[in-house]
PDB file of N, CA and C in Angstrom:
ATOM      1  N   TYR A   1     101.452  99.988 116.041  1.00  0.00           N
ATOM      2  CA  TYR A   1     101.828  98.937 116.964  1.00  0.00           C
ATOM      3  C   TYR A   1     100.944  98.892 118.215  1.00  0.00           C
ATOM      4  N   ALA A   2     100.293 100.005 118.540  1.00  0.00           N
ATOM      5  CA  ALA A   2      99.615 100.137 119.832  1.00  0.00           C
ATOM      6  C   ALA A   2      98.631  99.001 120.106  1.00  0.00           C
ATOM      7  N   GLY A   3      97.855  98.599 119.115  1.00  0.00           N
ATOM      8  CA  GLY A   3      96.877  97.542 119.321  1.00  0.00           C
ATOM      9  C   GLY A   3      97.485  96.164 119.483  1.00  0.00           C
ATOM     10  N   GLN A   4      98.781  96.046 119.236  1.00  0.00           N
ATOM     11  CA  GLN A   4      99.448  94.750 119.318  1.00  0.00           C
ATOM     12  C   GLN A   4     100.315  94.604 120.562  1.00  0.00           C
ATOM     13  N   ILE A   5     100.378  95.637 121.377  1.00  0.00           N
ATOM     14  CA  ILE A   5     101.180  95.607 122.604  1.00  0.00           C
ATOM     15  C   ILE A   5     100.283  95.228 123.770  1.00  0.00           C
ATOM     16  N   HIS A   6     100.712  94.244 124.539  1.00  0.00           N
ATOM     17  CA  HIS A   6      99.901  93.743 125.646  1.00  0.00           C
ATOM     18  C   HIS A   6     100.724  93.733 126.927  1.00  0.00           C
ATOM     19  N   GLY A   7     100.018  93.774 128.039  1.00  0.00           N
ATOM     20  CA  GLY A   7     100.662  93.706 129.347  1.00  0.00           C
ATOM     21  C   GLY A   7     100.118  94.780 130.266  1.00  0.00           C
ATOM     22  N   ASP A   8     100.199  94.497 131.553  1.00  0.00           N
ATOM     23  CA  ASP A   8      99.694  95.435 132.556  1.00  0.00           C
ATOM     24  C   ASP A   8     100.776  96.352 133.096  1.00  0.00           C
ATOM     25  N   THR A   9     102.014  95.896 133.075  1.00  0.00           N
ATOM     26  CA  THR A   9     103.108  96.701 133.616  1.00  0.00           C
ATOM     27  C   THR A   9     103.996  97.188 132.470  1.00  0.00           C
ATOM     28  N   PRO A  10     104.775  98.239 132.700  1.00  0.00           N
ATOM     29  CA  PRO A  10     105.699  98.681 131.654  1.00  0.00           C
ATOM     30  C   PRO A  10     106.638  97.565 131.186  1.00  0.00           C
ATOM     31  N   GLU A  11     107.114  96.739 132.123  1.00  0.00           N
ATOM     32  CA  GLU A  11     108.022  95.658 131.728  1.00  0.00           C
ATOM     33  C   GLU A  11     107.316  94.641 130.832  1.00  0.00           C
ATOM     34  N   GLU A  12     106.084  94.287 131.170  1.00  0.00           N
ATOM     35  CA  GLU A  12     105.328  93.349 130.334  1.00  0.00           C
ATOM     36  C   GLU A  12     105.089  93.945 128.949  1.00  0.00           C
ATOM     37  N   ARG A  13     104.782  95.230 128.910  1.00  0.00           N
ATOM     38  CA  ARG A  13     104.547  95.901 127.631  1.00  0.00           C
ATOM     39  C   ARG A  13     105.854  96.003 126.833  1.00  0.00           C
ATOM     40  N   MET A  14     106.969  96.184 127.526  1.00  0.00           N
ATOM     41  CA  MET A  14     108.259  96.239 126.851  1.00  0.00           C
ATOM     42  C   MET A  14     108.582  94.876 126.234  1.00  0.00           C
ATOM     43  N   ARG A  15     108.287  93.809 126.949  1.00  0.00           N
ATOM     44  CA  ARG A  15     108.517  92.465 126.407  1.00  0.00           C
ATOM     45  C   ARG A  15     107.603  92.199 125.204  1.00  0.00           C
ATOM     46  N   SER A  16     106.377  92.681 125.274  1.00  0.00           N
ATOM     47  CA  SER A  16     105.454  92.543 124.151  1.00  0.00           C
ATOM     48  C   SER A  16     105.975  93.324 122.943  1.00  0.00           C
ATOM     49  N   LEU A  17     106.489  94.526 123.172  1.00  0.00           N
ATOM     50  CA  LEU A  17     107.086  95.329 122.106  1.00  0.00           C
ATOM     51  C   LEU A  17     108.282  94.600 121.501  1.00  0.00           C
ATOM     52  N   ALA A  18     109.118  94.015 122.345  1.00  0.00           N
ATOM     53  CA  ALA A  18     110.284  93.273 121.864  1.00  0.00           C
ATOM     54  C   ALA A  18     109.851  92.104 120.983  1.00  0.00           C
ATOM     55  N   ASP A  19     108.797  91.399 121.378  1.00  0.00           N
ATOM     56  CA  ASP A  19     108.294  90.291 120.567  1.00  0.00           C
ATOM     57  C   ASP A  19     107.814  90.790 119.204  1.00  0.00           C
ATOM     58  N   LEU A  20     107.103  91.909 119.218  1.00  0.00           N
ATOM     59  CA  LEU A  20     106.596  92.481 117.973  1.00  0.00           C
ATOM     60  C   LEU A  20     107.734  92.902 117.045  1.00  0.00           C
ATOM     61  N   LEU A  21     108.740  93.561 117.609  1.00  0.00           N
ATOM     62  CA  LEU A  21     109.880  93.987 116.794  1.00  0.00           C
ATOM     63  C   LEU A  21     110.653  92.786 116.256  1.00  0.00           C
ATOM     64  N   SER A  22     110.799  91.760 117.070  1.00  0.00           N
ATOM     65  CA  SER A  22     111.494  90.550 116.625  1.00  0.00           C
ATOM     66  C   SER A  22     110.763  89.888 115.465  1.00  0.00           C
ATOM     67  N   GLN A  23     109.434  89.927 115.493  1.00  0.00           N
ATOM     68  CA  GLN A  23     108.648  89.375 114.387  1.00  0.00           C
ATOM     69  C   GLN A  23     108.916  90.142 113.099  1.00  0.00           C
ATOM     70  N   ARG A  24     109.322  91.395 113.231  1.00  0.00           N
ATOM     71  CA  ARG A  24     109.629  92.224 112.066  1.00  0.00           C
ATOM     72  C   ARG A  24     111.128  92.220 111.752  1.00  0.00           C
ATOM     73  N   ARG A  25     111.806  91.237 112.308  1.00  0.00           N
ATOM     74  CA  ARG A  25     113.239  91.015 112.080  1.00  0.00           C
ATOM     75  C   ARG A  25     114.117  92.155 112.573  1.00  0.00           C
ATOM     76  N   ILE A  26     113.673  92.810 113.638  1.00  0.00           N
ATOM     77  CA  ILE A  26     114.486  93.818 114.312  1.00  0.00           C
ATOM     78  C   ILE A  26     114.956  93.155 115.608  1.00  0.00           C
ATOM     79  N   PRO A  27     116.241  92.799 115.693  1.00  0.00           N
ATOM     80  CA  PRO A  27     116.725  92.062 116.866  1.00  0.00           C
ATOM     81  C   PRO A  27     116.788  92.948 118.108  1.00  0.00           C
ATOM     82  N   VAL A  28     115.994  92.576 119.097  1.00  0.00           N
ATOM     83  CA  VAL A  28     115.942  93.313 120.363  1.00  0.00           C
ATOM     84  C   VAL A  28     115.895  92.318 121.520  1.00  0.00           C
ATOM     85  N   SER A  29     116.227  92.822 122.691  1.00  0.00           N
ATOM     86  CA  SER A  29     116.106  92.021 123.899  1.00  0.00           C
ATOM     87  C   SER A  29     115.659  92.930 125.028  1.00  0.00           C
ATOM     88  N   VAL A  30     115.120  92.318 126.078  1.00  0.00           N
ATOM     89  CA  VAL A  30     114.697  93.047 127.275  1.00  0.00           C
ATOM     90  C   VAL A  30     115.366  92.392 128.463  1.00  0.00           C
ATOM     91  N   GLU A  31     115.895  93.226 129.331  1.00  0.00           N
ATOM     92  CA  GLU A  31     116.504  92.720 130.555  1.00  0.00           C
ATOM     93  C   GLU A  31     116.141  93.657 131.698  1.00  0.00           C
ATOM     94  N   ASN A  32     116.259  93.140 132.893  1.00  0.00           N
ATOM     95  CA  ASN A  32     116.013  93.949 134.081  1.00  0.00           C
ATOM     96  C   ASN A  32     117.336  94.449 134.631  1.00  0.00           C
ATOM     97  N   SER A  33     117.318  95.668 135.116  1.00  0.00           N
ATOM     98  CA  SER A  33     118.475  96.204 135.824  1.00  0.00           C
ATOM     99  C   SER A  33     117.965  96.806 137.123  1.00  0.00           C
ATOM    100  N   THR A  34     118.859  97.236 137.962  1.00  0.00           N
ATOM    101  CA  THR A  34     118.437  97.829 139.232  1.00  0.00           C
ATOM    102  C   THR A  34     117.672  99.135 139.013  1.00  0.00           C
ATOM    103  N   GLU A  35     117.879  99.792 137.858  1.00  0.00           N
ATOM    104  CA  GLU A  35     117.196 101.050 137.553  1.00  0.00           C
ATOM    105  C   GLU A  35     115.876 100.837 136.831  1.00  0.00           C
ATOM    106  N   GLY A  36     115.586  99.625 136.374  1.00  0.00           N
ATOM    107  CA  GLY A  36     114.361  99.342 135.640  1.00  0.00           C
ATOM    108  C   GLY A  36     114.640  98.493 134.420  1.00  0.00           C
ATOM    109  N   ALA A  37     113.594  98.193 133.687  1.00  0.00           N
ATOM    110  CA  ALA A  37     113.725  97.362 132.497  1.00  0.00           C
ATOM    111  C   ALA A  37     114.459  98.124 131.389  1.00  0.00           C
ATOM    112  N   VAL A  38     115.186  97.363 130.566  1.00  0.00           N
ATOM    113  CA  VAL A  38     115.962  97.938 129.471  1.00  0.00           C
ATOM    114  C   VAL A  38     115.624  97.189 128.192  1.00  0.00           C
ATOM    115  N   LEU A  39     115.246  97.945 127.156  1.00  0.00           N
ATOM    116  CA  LEU A  39     115.041  97.400 125.825  1.00  0.00           C
ATOM    117  C   LEU A  39     116.300  97.708 125.027  1.00  0.00           C
ATOM    118  N   THR A  40     116.957  96.663 124.523  1.00  0.00           N
ATOM    119  CA  THR A  40     118.183  96.839 123.752  1.00  0.00           C
ATOM    120  C   THR A  40     117.915  96.468 122.304  1.00  0.00           C
ATOM    121  N   ALA A  41     118.166  97.422 121.411  1.00  0.00           N
ATOM    122  CA  ALA A  41     118.062  97.180 119.968  1.00  0.00           C
ATOM    123  C   ALA A  41     119.454  96.837 119.465  1.00  0.00           C
ATOM    124  N   HIS A  42     119.609  95.635 118.940  1.00  0.00           N
ATOM    125  CA  HIS A  42     120.912  95.152 118.491  1.00  0.00           C
ATOM    126  C   HIS A  42     121.232  95.560 117.056  1.00  0.00           C
ATOM    127  N   ALA A  43     120.240  96.131 116.376  1.00  0.00           N
ATOM    128  CA  ALA A  43     120.430  96.662 115.021  1.00  0.00           C
ATOM    129  C   ALA A  43     119.441  97.809 114.849  1.00  0.00           C
ATOM    130  N   CYS A  44     119.821  98.761 114.063  1.00  0.00           N
ATOM    131  CA  CYS A  44     118.974  99.922 113.814  1.00  0.00           C
ATOM    132  C   CYS A  44     117.961  99.593 112.712  1.00  0.00           C
ATOM    133  N   PRO A  45     116.673  99.860 112.962  1.00  0.00           N
ATOM    134  CA  PRO A  45     115.699  99.612 111.900  1.00  0.00           C
ATOM    135  C   PRO A  45     115.787 100.619 110.753  1.00  0.00           C
ATOM    136  N   TYR A  46     116.454 101.748 110.993  1.00  0.00           N
ATOM    137  CA  TYR A  46     116.580 102.801 109.978  1.00  0.00           C
ATOM    138  C   TYR A  46     118.029 103.258 109.861  1.00  0.00           C
ATOM    139  N   PRO A  47     118.976 102.391 109.548  1.00  0.00           N
ATOM    140  CA  PRO A  47     120.387 102.769 109.609  1.00  0.00           C
ATOM    141  C   PRO A  47     120.767 103.924 108.690  1.00  0.00           C
ATOM    142  N   ASN A  48     120.320 103.920 107.465  1.00  0.00           N
ATOM    143  CA  ASN A  48     120.692 104.993 106.538  1.00  0.00           C
ATOM    144  C   ASN A  48     120.072 106.321 106.944  1.00  0.00           C
ATOM    145  N   LEU A  49     118.824 106.278 107.336  1.00  0.00           N
ATOM    146  CA  LEU A  49     118.137 107.496 107.758  1.00  0.00           C
ATOM    147  C   LEU A  49     118.745 108.054 109.040  1.00  0.00           C
ATOM    148  N   ALA A  50     119.039 107.192 109.994  1.00  0.00           N
ATOM    149  CA  ALA A  50     119.593 107.635 111.275  1.00  0.00           C
ATOM    150  C   ALA A  50     120.966 108.284 111.100  1.00  0.00           C
ATOM    151  N   GLU A  51     121.753 107.787 110.171  1.00  0.00           N
ATOM    152  CA  GLU A  51     123.069 108.390 109.927  1.00  0.00           C
ATOM    153  C   GLU A  51     122.951 109.799 109.373  1.00  0.00           C
ATOM    154  N   GLN A  52     121.869 110.090 108.681  1.00  0.00           N
ATOM    155  CA  GLN A  52     121.651 111.420 108.116  1.00  0.00           C
ATOM    156  C   GLN A  52     120.943 112.361 109.085  1.00  0.00           C
ATOM    157  N   ASP A  53     120.106 111.794 109.962  1.00  0.00           N
ATOM    158  CA  ASP A  53     119.306 112.615 110.863  1.00  0.00           C
ATOM    159  C   ASP A  53     119.095 111.884 112.182  1.00  0.00           C
ATOM    160  N   GLN A  54     119.835 112.274 113.197  1.00  0.00           N
ATOM    161  CA  GLN A  54     119.770 111.583 114.487  1.00  0.00           C
ATOM    162  C   GLN A  54     118.445 111.790 115.214  1.00  0.00           C
ATOM    163  N   SER A  55     117.576 112.652 114.708  1.00  0.00           N
ATOM    164  CA  SER A  55     116.276 112.824 115.347  1.00  0.00           C
ATOM    165  C   SER A  55     115.437 111.548 115.235  1.00  0.00           C
ATOM    166  N   VAL A  56     115.833 110.639 114.338  1.00  0.00           N
ATOM    167  CA  VAL A  56     115.161 109.339 114.244  1.00  0.00           C
ATOM    168  C   VAL A  56     115.263 108.609 115.577  1.00  0.00           C
ATOM    169  N   CYS A  57     116.385 108.743 116.249  1.00  0.00           N
ATOM    170  CA  CYS A  57     116.579 108.090 117.548  1.00  0.00           C
ATOM    171  C   CYS A  57     115.592 108.657 118.576  1.00  0.00           C
ATOM    172  N   SER A  58     115.376 109.943 118.553  1.00  0.00           N
ATOM    173  CA  SER A  58     114.407 110.572 119.463  1.00  0.00           C
ATOM    174  C   SER A  58     112.995 110.115 119.139  1.00  0.00           C
ATOM    175  N   MET A  59     112.703 109.984 117.853  1.00  0.00           N
ATOM    176  CA  MET A  59     111.389 109.510 117.432  1.00  0.00           C
ATOM    177  C   MET A  59     111.144 108.089 117.950  1.00  0.00           C
ATOM    178  N   GLU A  60     112.139 107.238 117.832  1.00  0.00           N
ATOM    179  CA  GLU A  60     112.017 105.867 118.335  1.00  0.00           C
ATOM    180  C   GLU A  60     111.803 105.863 119.842  1.00  0.00           C
ATOM    181  N   ARG A  61     112.573 106.669 120.563  1.00  0.00           N
ATOM    182  CA  ARG A  61     112.430 106.744 122.012  1.00  0.00           C
ATOM    183  C   ARG A  61     111.018 107.183 122.397  1.00  0.00           C
ATOM    184  N   MET A  62     110.497 108.179 121.716  1.00  0.00           N
ATOM    185  CA  MET A  62     109.145 108.657 122.021  1.00  0.00           C
ATOM    186  C   MET A  62     108.091 107.605 121.703  1.00  0.00           C
ATOM    187  N   MET A  63     108.238 106.924 120.567  1.00  0.00           N
ATOM    188  CA  MET A  63     107.273 105.896 120.194  1.00  0.00           C
ATOM    189  C   MET A  63     107.314 104.733 121.191  1.00  0.00           C
ATOM    190  N   TYR A  64     108.517 104.278 121.528  1.00  0.00           N
ATOM    191  CA  TYR A  64     108.641 103.180 122.490  1.00  0.00           C
ATOM    192  C   TYR A  64     108.077 103.591 123.839  1.00  0.00           C
ATOM    193  N   SER A  65     108.336 104.813 124.271  1.00  0.00           N
ATOM    194  CA  SER A  65     107.816 105.298 125.553  1.00  0.00           C
ATOM    195  C   SER A  65     106.291 105.248 125.574  1.00  0.00           C
ATOM    196  N   GLU A  66     105.685 105.709 124.492  1.00  0.00           N
ATOM    197  CA  GLU A  66     104.227 105.705 124.428  1.00  0.00           C
ATOM    198  C   GLU A  66     103.678 104.284 124.443  1.00  0.00           C
ATOM    199  N   LEU A  67     104.302 103.383 123.704  1.00  0.00           N
ATOM    200  CA  LEU A  67     103.830 102.004 123.650  1.00  0.00           C
ATOM    201  C   LEU A  67     104.001 101.284 124.986  1.00  0.00           C
ATOM    202  N   VAL A  68     105.095 101.591 125.692  1.00  0.00           N
ATOM    203  CA  VAL A  68     105.380 100.935 126.968  1.00  0.00           C
ATOM    204  C   VAL A  68     104.575 101.577 128.108  1.00  0.00           C
ATOM    205  N   GLY A  69     104.211 102.838 127.935  1.00  0.00           N
ATOM    206  CA  GLY A  69     103.457 103.534 128.972  1.00  0.00           C
ATOM    207  C   GLY A  69     104.324 104.117 130.055  1.00  0.00           C
ATOM    208  N   LYS A  70     105.582 104.320 129.740  1.00  0.00           N
ATOM    209  CA  LYS A  70     106.534 104.883 130.702  1.00  0.00           C
ATOM    210  C   LYS A  70     107.623 105.598 129.917  1.00  0.00           C
ATOM    211  N   ASN A  71     108.090 106.712 130.447  1.00  0.00           N
ATOM    212  CA  ASN A  71     109.145 107.454 129.769  1.00  0.00           C
ATOM    213  C   ASN A  71     110.425 106.628 129.718  1.00  0.00           C
ATOM    214  N   LEU A  72     110.969 106.465 128.534  1.00  0.00           N
ATOM    215  CA  LEU A  72     112.224 105.743 128.345  1.00  0.00           C
ATOM    216  C   LEU A  72     113.330 106.738 128.031  1.00  0.00           C
ATOM    217  N   THR A  73     114.521 106.409 128.448  1.00  0.00           N
ATOM    218  CA  THR A  73     115.706 107.219 128.186  1.00  0.00           C
ATOM    219  C   THR A  73     116.637 106.436 127.283  1.00  0.00           C
ATOM    220  N   LEU A  74     117.144 107.081 126.248  1.00  0.00           N
ATOM    221  CA  LEU A  74     118.137 106.449 125.371  1.00  0.00           C
ATOM    222  C   LEU A  74     119.490 106.575 126.062  1.00  0.00           C
ATOM    223  N   THR A  75     119.958 105.480 126.653  1.00  0.00           N
ATOM    224  CA  THR A  75     121.187 105.521 127.449  1.00  0.00           C
ATOM    225  C   THR A  75     122.428 105.146 126.645  1.00  0.00           C
ATOM    226  N   GLN A  76     122.240 104.458 125.530  1.00  0.00           N
ATOM    227  CA  GLN A  76     123.331 104.136 124.617  1.00  0.00           C
ATOM    228  C   GLN A  76     122.797 104.236 123.200  1.00  0.00           C
ATOM    229  N   CYS A  77     123.662 104.663 122.273  1.00  0.00           N
ATOM    230  CA  CYS A  77     123.230 104.821 120.884  1.00  0.00           C
ATOM    231  C   CYS A  77     124.357 104.388 119.953  1.00  0.00           C
ATOM    232  N   ARG A  78     124.012 103.608 118.963  1.00  0.00           N
ATOM    233  CA  ARG A  78     124.999 103.146 117.977  1.00  0.00           C
ATOM    234  C   ARG A  78     125.654 104.301 117.251  1.00  0.00           C
ATOM    235  N   LEU A  79     124.901 105.379 117.037  1.00  0.00           N
ATOM    236  CA  LEU A  79     125.463 106.536 116.340  1.00  0.00           C
ATOM    237  C   LEU A  79     126.519 107.255 117.163  1.00  0.00           C
ATOM    238  N   ASP A  80     126.537 106.995 118.472  1.00  0.00           N
ATOM    239  CA  ASP A  80     127.569 107.567 119.351  1.00  0.00           C
ATOM    240  C   ASP A  80     128.742 106.616 119.537  1.00  0.00           C
ATOM    241  N   GLY A  81     128.720 105.489 118.809  1.00  0.00           N
ATOM    242  CA  GLY A  81     129.810 104.530 118.895  1.00  0.00           C
ATOM    243  C   GLY A  81     129.537 103.344 119.797  1.00  0.00           C
ATOM    244  N   ASP A  82     128.356 103.310 120.416  1.00  0.00           N
ATOM    245  CA  ASP A  82     128.007 102.164 121.268  1.00  0.00           C
ATOM    246  C   ASP A  82     127.663 100.957 120.393  1.00  0.00           C
ATOM    247  N   SER A  83     127.724  99.778 120.970  1.00  0.00           N
ATOM    248  CA  SER A  83     127.446  98.568 120.198  1.00  0.00           C
ATOM    249  C   SER A  83     125.954  98.361 119.953  1.00  0.00           C
ATOM    250  N   ASP A  84     125.100  98.895 120.817  1.00  0.00           N
ATOM    251  CA  ASP A  84     123.655  98.741 120.729  1.00  0.00           C
ATOM    252  C   ASP A  84     122.988 100.052 121.127  1.00  0.00           C
ATOM    253  N   CYS A  85     121.701 100.130 120.854  1.00  0.00           N
ATOM    254  CA  CYS A  85     120.888 101.236 121.377  1.00  0.00           C
ATOM    255  C   CYS A  85     120.087 100.689 122.558  1.00  0.00           C
ATOM    256  N   ARG A  86     120.179 101.388 123.684  1.00  0.00           N
ATOM    257  CA  ARG A  86     119.519 100.914 124.905  1.00  0.00           C
ATOM    258  C   ARG A  86     118.511 101.956 125.368  1.00  0.00           C
ATOM    259  N   PHE A  87     117.282 101.486 125.589  1.00  0.00           N
ATOM    260  CA  PHE A  87     116.200 102.341 126.052  1.00  0.00           C
ATOM    261  C   PHE A  87     115.831 101.887 127.461  1.00  0.00           C
ATOM    262  N   GLN A  88     116.085 102.740 128.426  1.00  0.00           N
ATOM    263  CA  GLN A  88     115.933 102.431 129.860  1.00  0.00           C
ATOM    264  C   GLN A  88     114.633 103.015 130.386  1.00  0.00           C
ATOM    265  N   ALA A  89     113.843 102.182 131.053  1.00  0.00           N
ATOM    266  CA  ALA A  89     112.659 102.677 131.754  1.00  0.00           C
ATOM    267  C   ALA A  89     113.141 103.302 133.058  1.00  0.00           C
ATOM    268  N   GLY A  90     112.690 104.482 133.341  1.00  0.00           N
ATOM    269  CA  GLY A  90     113.196 105.160 134.527  1.00  0.00           C
ATOM    270  C   GLY A  90     112.231 105.724 135.422  1.00  0.00           C
TER     271      GLY A  90
END
């Protein structure tokens, strides 16, 4: 994905990532909060795998962090009973 992510700021890069994921039919959105930009995944791209091994969530967080250029924190996770997975720039 790295060559397809564009933008000068982490938020711009997060929006570019969201566009790329949406093109791959992974429903995501980006919003601003007082703590920073938030990427919300409305569906898991690896639901069966994630249910067996939650380290997939850490892998996604690390990949998104690298693509955005800023450390992201997984603040909500569907596997913990939340409605969405939220990755917060901090």
